[in-house]
């Protein structure tokens, strides 16, 4: 699935089942909440914290998908084409950082 297809699929779901998009501010807060839930799974899986009983069913992939869902909602409702935005972002990073990490002694050896 491409980013464009994902944006279309989310839009169709909203139109079919969701009634309408939540407001942009609501979705921004929801994105923050979903990132927090993703962070909780990561810190309990890879960090020093242990899982609580209520966290044991948490699924890393599902939490990432929740973040992506809300991000796509925000893109759709603000008119952002994520494919174009991502391609521009990759070009920017490549132009800006094409030697930066290769020359970073903290990353090499």
N, C-alpha and C. Protein backbone atom coordinates (compact mmCIF):
# COMPACT_ATOMS: atom_id res chain seq x y z
N UNK A 1 0.84 -1.18 0.00
CA UNK A 1 0.00 0.00 0.00
C UNK A 1 0.88 1.24 0.00
N UNK A 2 0.56 2.21 -0.83
CA UNK A 2 1.30 3.46 -0.86
C UNK A 2 0.72 4.43 0.16
N UNK A 3 1.43 5.50 0.44
CA UNK A 3 0.89 6.52 1.33
C UNK A 3 -0.39 7.13 0.75
N UNK A 4 -0.41 7.33 -0.57
CA UNK A 4 -1.60 7.87 -1.22
C UNK A 4 -2.79 6.93 -1.05
N UNK A 5 -2.55 5.64 -1.20
CA UNK A 5 -3.62 4.66 -1.01
C UNK A 5 -4.09 4.65 0.45
N UNK A 6 -3.15 4.77 1.38
CA UNK A 6 -3.52 4.81 2.79
C UNK A 6 -4.37 6.05 3.08
N UNK A 7 -3.99 7.19 2.51
CA UNK A 7 -4.78 8.39 2.73
C UNK A 7 -6.19 8.21 2.17
N UNK A 8 -6.31 7.61 1.02
CA UNK A 8 -7.61 7.37 0.42
C UNK A 8 -8.43 6.38 1.26
N UNK A 9 -7.80 5.32 1.74
CA UNK A 9 -8.50 4.31 2.54
C UNK A 9 -9.03 4.91 3.84
N UNK A 10 -8.21 5.72 4.50
CA UNK A 10 -8.66 6.36 5.74
C UNK A 10 -9.82 7.31 5.44
N UNK A 11 -9.71 8.08 4.36
CA UNK A 11 -10.78 9.00 4.00
C UNK A 11 -12.09 8.26 3.74
N UNK A 12 -12.01 7.15 3.03
CA UNK A 12 -13.21 6.35 2.76
C UNK A 12 -13.79 5.78 4.05
N UNK A 13 -12.95 5.35 4.97
CA UNK A 13 -13.42 4.82 6.25
C UNK A 13 -14.15 5.92 7.02
N UNK A 14 -13.54 7.10 7.07
CA UNK A 14 -14.17 8.22 7.79
C UNK A 14 -15.54 8.52 7.18
N UNK A 15 -15.62 8.58 5.87
CA UNK A 15 -16.88 8.89 5.20
C UNK A 15 -17.92 7.79 5.41
N UNK A 16 -17.49 6.54 5.52
CA UNK A 16 -18.41 5.41 5.66
C UNK A 16 -18.81 5.16 7.11
N UNK A 17 -17.85 5.20 8.02
CA UNK A 17 -18.10 4.80 9.40
C UNK A 17 -17.90 5.90 10.44
N UNK A 18 -17.13 6.90 10.11
CA UNK A 18 -16.73 7.88 11.11
C UNK A 18 -17.57 9.13 11.16
N UNK A 19 -18.54 9.27 10.30
CA UNK A 19 -19.40 10.44 10.20
C UNK A 19 -18.63 11.64 9.63
N UNK A 20 -17.57 12.06 10.31
CA UNK A 20 -16.73 13.17 9.85
C UNK A 20 -15.40 13.10 10.60
N UNK A 21 -14.43 13.85 10.11
CA UNK A 21 -13.16 13.95 10.82
C UNK A 21 -13.38 14.74 12.11
N UNK A 22 -12.66 14.36 13.16
CA UNK A 22 -12.60 15.22 14.34
C UNK A 22 -11.87 16.49 13.93
N UNK A 23 -12.02 17.54 14.70
CA UNK A 23 -11.32 18.77 14.40
C UNK A 23 -9.80 18.58 14.45
N UNK A 24 -9.10 19.48 13.79
CA UNK A 24 -7.64 19.38 13.73
C UNK A 24 -7.01 19.40 15.12
N UNK A 25 -7.51 20.26 16.00
CA UNK A 25 -6.94 20.31 17.35
C UNK A 25 -7.21 19.02 18.11
N UNK A 26 -8.40 18.47 17.96
CA UNK A 26 -8.71 17.19 18.60
C UNK A 26 -7.79 16.11 18.07
N UNK A 27 -7.60 16.06 16.75
CA UNK A 27 -6.72 15.04 16.19
C UNK A 27 -5.27 15.25 16.61
N UNK A 28 -4.84 16.50 16.78
CA UNK A 28 -3.47 16.73 17.25
C UNK A 28 -3.28 16.17 18.66
N UNK A 29 -4.27 16.39 19.51
CA UNK A 29 -4.19 15.85 20.87
C UNK A 29 -4.25 14.32 20.84
N UNK A 30 -5.09 13.78 19.95
CA UNK A 30 -5.17 12.32 19.82
C UNK A 30 -3.84 11.76 19.32
N UNK A 31 -3.17 12.46 18.42
CA UNK A 31 -1.85 12.01 17.94
C UNK A 31 -0.86 11.98 19.11
N UNK A 32 -0.90 13.01 19.91
CA UNK A 32 -0.02 13.05 21.08
C UNK A 32 -0.31 11.89 22.02
N UNK A 33 -1.57 11.59 22.23
CA UNK A 33 -1.96 10.47 23.08
C UNK A 33 -1.45 9.14 22.50
N UNK A 34 -1.62 8.96 21.19
CA UNK A 34 -1.16 7.71 20.56
C UNK A 34 0.36 7.58 20.62
N UNK A 35 1.07 8.68 20.45
CA UNK A 35 2.54 8.63 20.56
C UNK A 35 2.93 8.24 21.99
N UNK A 36 2.19 8.73 22.96
CA UNK A 36 2.44 8.36 24.36
C UNK A 36 2.23 6.87 24.60
N UNK A 37 1.17 6.32 23.99
CA UNK A 37 0.92 4.88 24.13
C UNK A 37 2.04 4.08 23.45
N UNK A 38 2.51 4.54 22.32
CA UNK A 38 3.65 3.89 21.65
C UNK A 38 4.89 3.97 22.53
N UNK A 39 5.13 5.11 23.12
CA UNK A 39 6.28 5.29 24.00
C UNK A 39 6.22 4.34 25.19
N UNK A 40 5.01 4.15 25.75
CA UNK A 40 4.87 3.24 26.89
C UNK A 40 5.26 1.82 26.51
N UNK A 41 4.85 1.36 25.33
CA UNK A 41 5.21 0.00 24.89
C UNK A 41 6.72 -0.09 24.68
N UNK A 42 7.32 0.91 24.07
CA UNK A 42 8.76 0.88 23.80
C UNK A 42 9.56 0.90 25.09
N UNK A 43 9.18 1.74 26.05
CA UNK A 43 9.95 1.82 27.29
C UNK A 43 9.82 0.53 28.11
N UNK A 44 8.67 -0.12 28.00
CA UNK A 44 8.49 -1.36 28.74
C UNK A 44 9.13 -2.55 28.02
N UNK A 45 9.25 -2.46 26.71
CA UNK A 45 9.86 -3.54 25.94
C UNK A 45 11.38 -3.41 25.88
N UNK A 46 11.88 -2.20 25.66
CA UNK A 46 13.31 -2.00 25.44
C UNK A 46 13.99 -1.21 26.55
N UNK A 47 13.22 -0.59 27.42
CA UNK A 47 13.78 0.20 28.50
C UNK A 47 13.78 -0.56 29.82
N UNK A 48 13.94 0.18 30.88
CA UNK A 48 14.06 -0.42 32.20
C UNK A 48 12.73 -0.67 32.88
N UNK A 49 11.65 -0.11 32.38
CA UNK A 49 10.36 -0.31 33.03
C UNK A 49 9.79 -1.68 32.69
N UNK A 50 9.04 -2.22 33.63
CA UNK A 50 8.38 -3.50 33.40
C UNK A 50 6.92 -3.25 33.03
N UNK A 51 6.32 -4.25 32.40
CA UNK A 51 4.92 -4.15 32.02
C UNK A 51 4.04 -4.24 33.26
N UNK A 52 3.00 -3.41 33.29
CA UNK A 52 1.96 -3.53 34.30
C UNK A 52 0.94 -4.53 33.76
N UNK A 53 0.10 -5.04 34.61
CA UNK A 53 -0.95 -5.97 34.17
C UNK A 53 -1.77 -5.34 33.04
N UNK A 54 -2.07 -4.06 33.15
CA UNK A 54 -2.91 -3.39 32.15
C UNK A 54 -2.17 -3.18 30.82
N UNK A 55 -0.85 -3.32 30.82
CA UNK A 55 -0.05 -3.12 29.60
C UNK A 55 0.29 -4.42 28.89
N UNK A 56 0.01 -5.55 29.49
CA UNK A 56 0.50 -6.82 28.96
C UNK A 56 -0.05 -7.16 27.58
N UNK A 57 -1.20 -6.63 27.23
CA UNK A 57 -1.75 -6.92 25.90
C UNK A 57 -1.31 -5.89 24.86
N UNK A 58 -0.49 -4.94 25.25
CA UNK A 58 -0.03 -3.90 24.32
C UNK A 58 0.76 -4.51 23.17
N UNK A 59 0.57 -3.95 22.00
CA UNK A 59 1.18 -4.47 20.78
C UNK A 59 1.89 -3.32 20.07
N UNK A 60 3.20 -3.43 19.91
CA UNK A 60 4.01 -2.38 19.31
C UNK A 60 3.51 -1.99 17.92
N UNK A 61 3.26 -2.97 17.06
CA UNK A 61 2.81 -2.69 15.70
C UNK A 61 1.46 -1.98 15.71
N UNK A 62 0.56 -2.41 16.56
CA UNK A 62 -0.75 -1.77 16.65
C UNK A 62 -0.64 -0.32 17.10
N UNK A 63 0.24 -0.06 18.05
CA UNK A 63 0.42 1.31 18.53
C UNK A 63 1.03 2.18 17.42
N UNK A 64 1.96 1.64 16.65
CA UNK A 64 2.51 2.39 15.52
C UNK A 64 1.44 2.69 14.48
N UNK A 65 0.58 1.71 14.23
CA UNK A 65 -0.51 1.90 13.27
C UNK A 65 -1.49 2.96 13.77
N UNK A 66 -1.74 3.01 15.07
CA UNK A 66 -2.62 4.06 15.62
C UNK A 66 -2.03 5.44 15.38
N UNK A 67 -0.72 5.59 15.56
CA UNK A 67 -0.05 6.86 15.29
C UNK A 67 -0.21 7.23 13.82
N UNK A 68 0.03 6.26 12.95
CA UNK A 68 -0.07 6.50 11.51
C UNK A 68 -1.49 6.90 11.12
N UNK A 69 -2.48 6.22 11.69
CA UNK A 69 -3.89 6.52 11.40
C UNK A 69 -4.20 7.99 11.66
N UNK A 70 -3.87 8.47 12.87
CA UNK A 70 -4.21 9.85 13.23
C UNK A 70 -3.39 10.82 12.40
N UNK A 71 -2.13 10.50 12.11
CA UNK A 71 -1.33 11.36 11.25
C UNK A 71 -1.95 11.48 9.86
N UNK A 72 -2.43 10.37 9.33
CA UNK A 72 -3.10 10.38 8.03
C UNK A 72 -4.38 11.21 8.10
N UNK A 73 -5.13 11.09 9.18
CA UNK A 73 -6.33 11.92 9.34
C UNK A 73 -5.95 13.40 9.29
N UNK A 74 -4.93 13.79 10.00
CA UNK A 74 -4.49 15.18 10.00
C UNK A 74 -4.05 15.62 8.59
N UNK A 75 -3.34 14.76 7.90
CA UNK A 75 -2.91 15.09 6.54
C UNK A 75 -4.12 15.29 5.63
N UNK A 76 -5.07 14.38 5.71
CA UNK A 76 -6.26 14.47 4.87
C UNK A 76 -7.03 15.76 5.12
N UNK A 77 -7.24 16.09 6.37
CA UNK A 77 -8.09 17.23 6.66
C UNK A 77 -7.38 18.56 6.47
N UNK A 78 -6.06 18.54 6.35
CA UNK A 78 -5.32 19.79 6.12
C UNK A 78 -4.80 19.88 4.69
N UNK A 79 -5.13 18.89 3.86
CA UNK A 79 -4.75 18.94 2.45
C UNK A 79 -3.30 18.59 2.16
N UNK A 80 -2.67 17.85 3.06
CA UNK A 80 -1.27 17.47 2.86
C UNK A 80 -1.22 16.14 2.11
N UNK A 81 -0.48 16.12 1.01
CA UNK A 81 -0.22 14.88 0.27
C UNK A 81 1.03 14.28 0.91
N UNK A 82 0.85 13.21 1.67
CA UNK A 82 1.97 12.62 2.41
C UNK A 82 3.06 12.06 1.50
N UNK A 83 2.69 11.58 0.32
CA UNK A 83 3.70 11.07 -0.62
C UNK A 83 4.63 12.21 -1.02
N UNK A 84 4.06 13.32 -1.45
CA UNK A 84 4.88 14.47 -1.85
C UNK A 84 5.68 15.01 -0.68
N UNK A 85 5.04 15.11 0.48
CA UNK A 85 5.73 15.63 1.67
C UNK A 85 6.90 14.75 2.06
N UNK A 86 6.69 13.42 2.02
CA UNK A 86 7.75 12.49 2.39
C UNK A 86 8.90 12.54 1.39
N UNK A 87 8.57 12.60 0.10
CA UNK A 87 9.62 12.67 -0.92
C UNK A 87 10.46 13.93 -0.75
N UNK A 88 9.82 15.08 -0.51
CA UNK A 88 10.54 16.34 -0.28
C UNK A 88 11.40 16.24 0.97
N UNK A 89 10.86 15.59 2.01
CA UNK A 89 11.60 15.46 3.26
C UNK A 89 12.84 14.59 3.08
N UNK A 90 12.71 13.51 2.29
CA UNK A 90 13.87 12.65 2.03
C UNK A 90 14.95 13.41 1.26
N UNK A 91 14.55 14.21 0.28
CA UNK A 91 15.52 15.02 -0.46
C UNK A 91 16.22 16.01 0.46
N UNK A 92 15.45 16.66 1.33
CA UNK A 92 16.03 17.62 2.29
C UNK A 92 17.05 16.93 3.19
N UNK A 93 16.67 15.79 3.73
CA UNK A 93 17.58 15.07 4.64
C UNK A 93 18.83 14.61 3.90
N UNK A 94 18.66 14.12 2.68
CA UNK A 94 19.81 13.65 1.91
C UNK A 94 20.75 14.80 1.59
N UNK A 95 20.18 15.92 1.18
CA UNK A 95 21.01 17.08 0.85
C UNK A 95 21.73 17.61 2.09
N UNK A 96 21.02 17.70 3.19
CA UNK A 96 21.57 18.27 4.42
C UNK A 96 22.53 17.33 5.13
N UNK A 97 22.22 16.03 5.12
CA UNK A 97 22.94 15.09 5.97
C UNK A 97 23.72 14.02 5.20
N UNK A 98 24.03 14.27 3.91
CA UNK A 98 24.63 13.19 3.12
C UNK A 98 26.00 12.75 3.61
N UNK A 99 26.70 13.56 4.37
CA UNK A 99 27.98 13.12 4.96
C UNK A 99 28.00 13.23 6.48
N UNK A 100 27.03 13.92 7.03
CA UNK A 100 27.03 14.21 8.48
C UNK A 100 27.16 12.95 9.33
N UNK A 101 26.33 11.95 9.07
CA UNK A 101 26.35 10.74 9.91
C UNK A 101 27.55 9.85 9.58
N UNK A 102 27.97 9.88 8.33
CA UNK A 102 29.14 9.09 7.93
C UNK A 102 30.42 9.61 8.59
N UNK A 103 30.41 10.88 8.96
CA UNK A 103 31.58 11.49 9.57
C UNK A 103 31.45 11.63 11.09
N UNK A 104 30.38 11.09 11.65
CA UNK A 104 30.12 11.20 13.09
C UNK A 104 30.88 10.09 13.84
N UNK A 105 31.89 10.48 14.58
CA UNK A 105 32.70 9.50 15.30
C UNK A 105 31.88 8.75 16.37
N UNK A 106 30.78 9.32 16.81
CA UNK A 106 29.93 8.64 17.78
C UNK A 106 29.20 7.45 17.15
N UNK A 107 29.04 7.47 15.83
CA UNK A 107 28.33 6.40 15.14
C UNK A 107 29.27 5.36 14.54
N UNK A 108 30.49 5.77 14.30
CA UNK A 108 31.47 4.90 13.65
C UNK A 108 32.42 4.35 14.72
N UNK A 109 32.46 3.03 14.78
CA UNK A 109 33.39 2.36 15.67
C UNK A 109 33.25 2.76 17.05
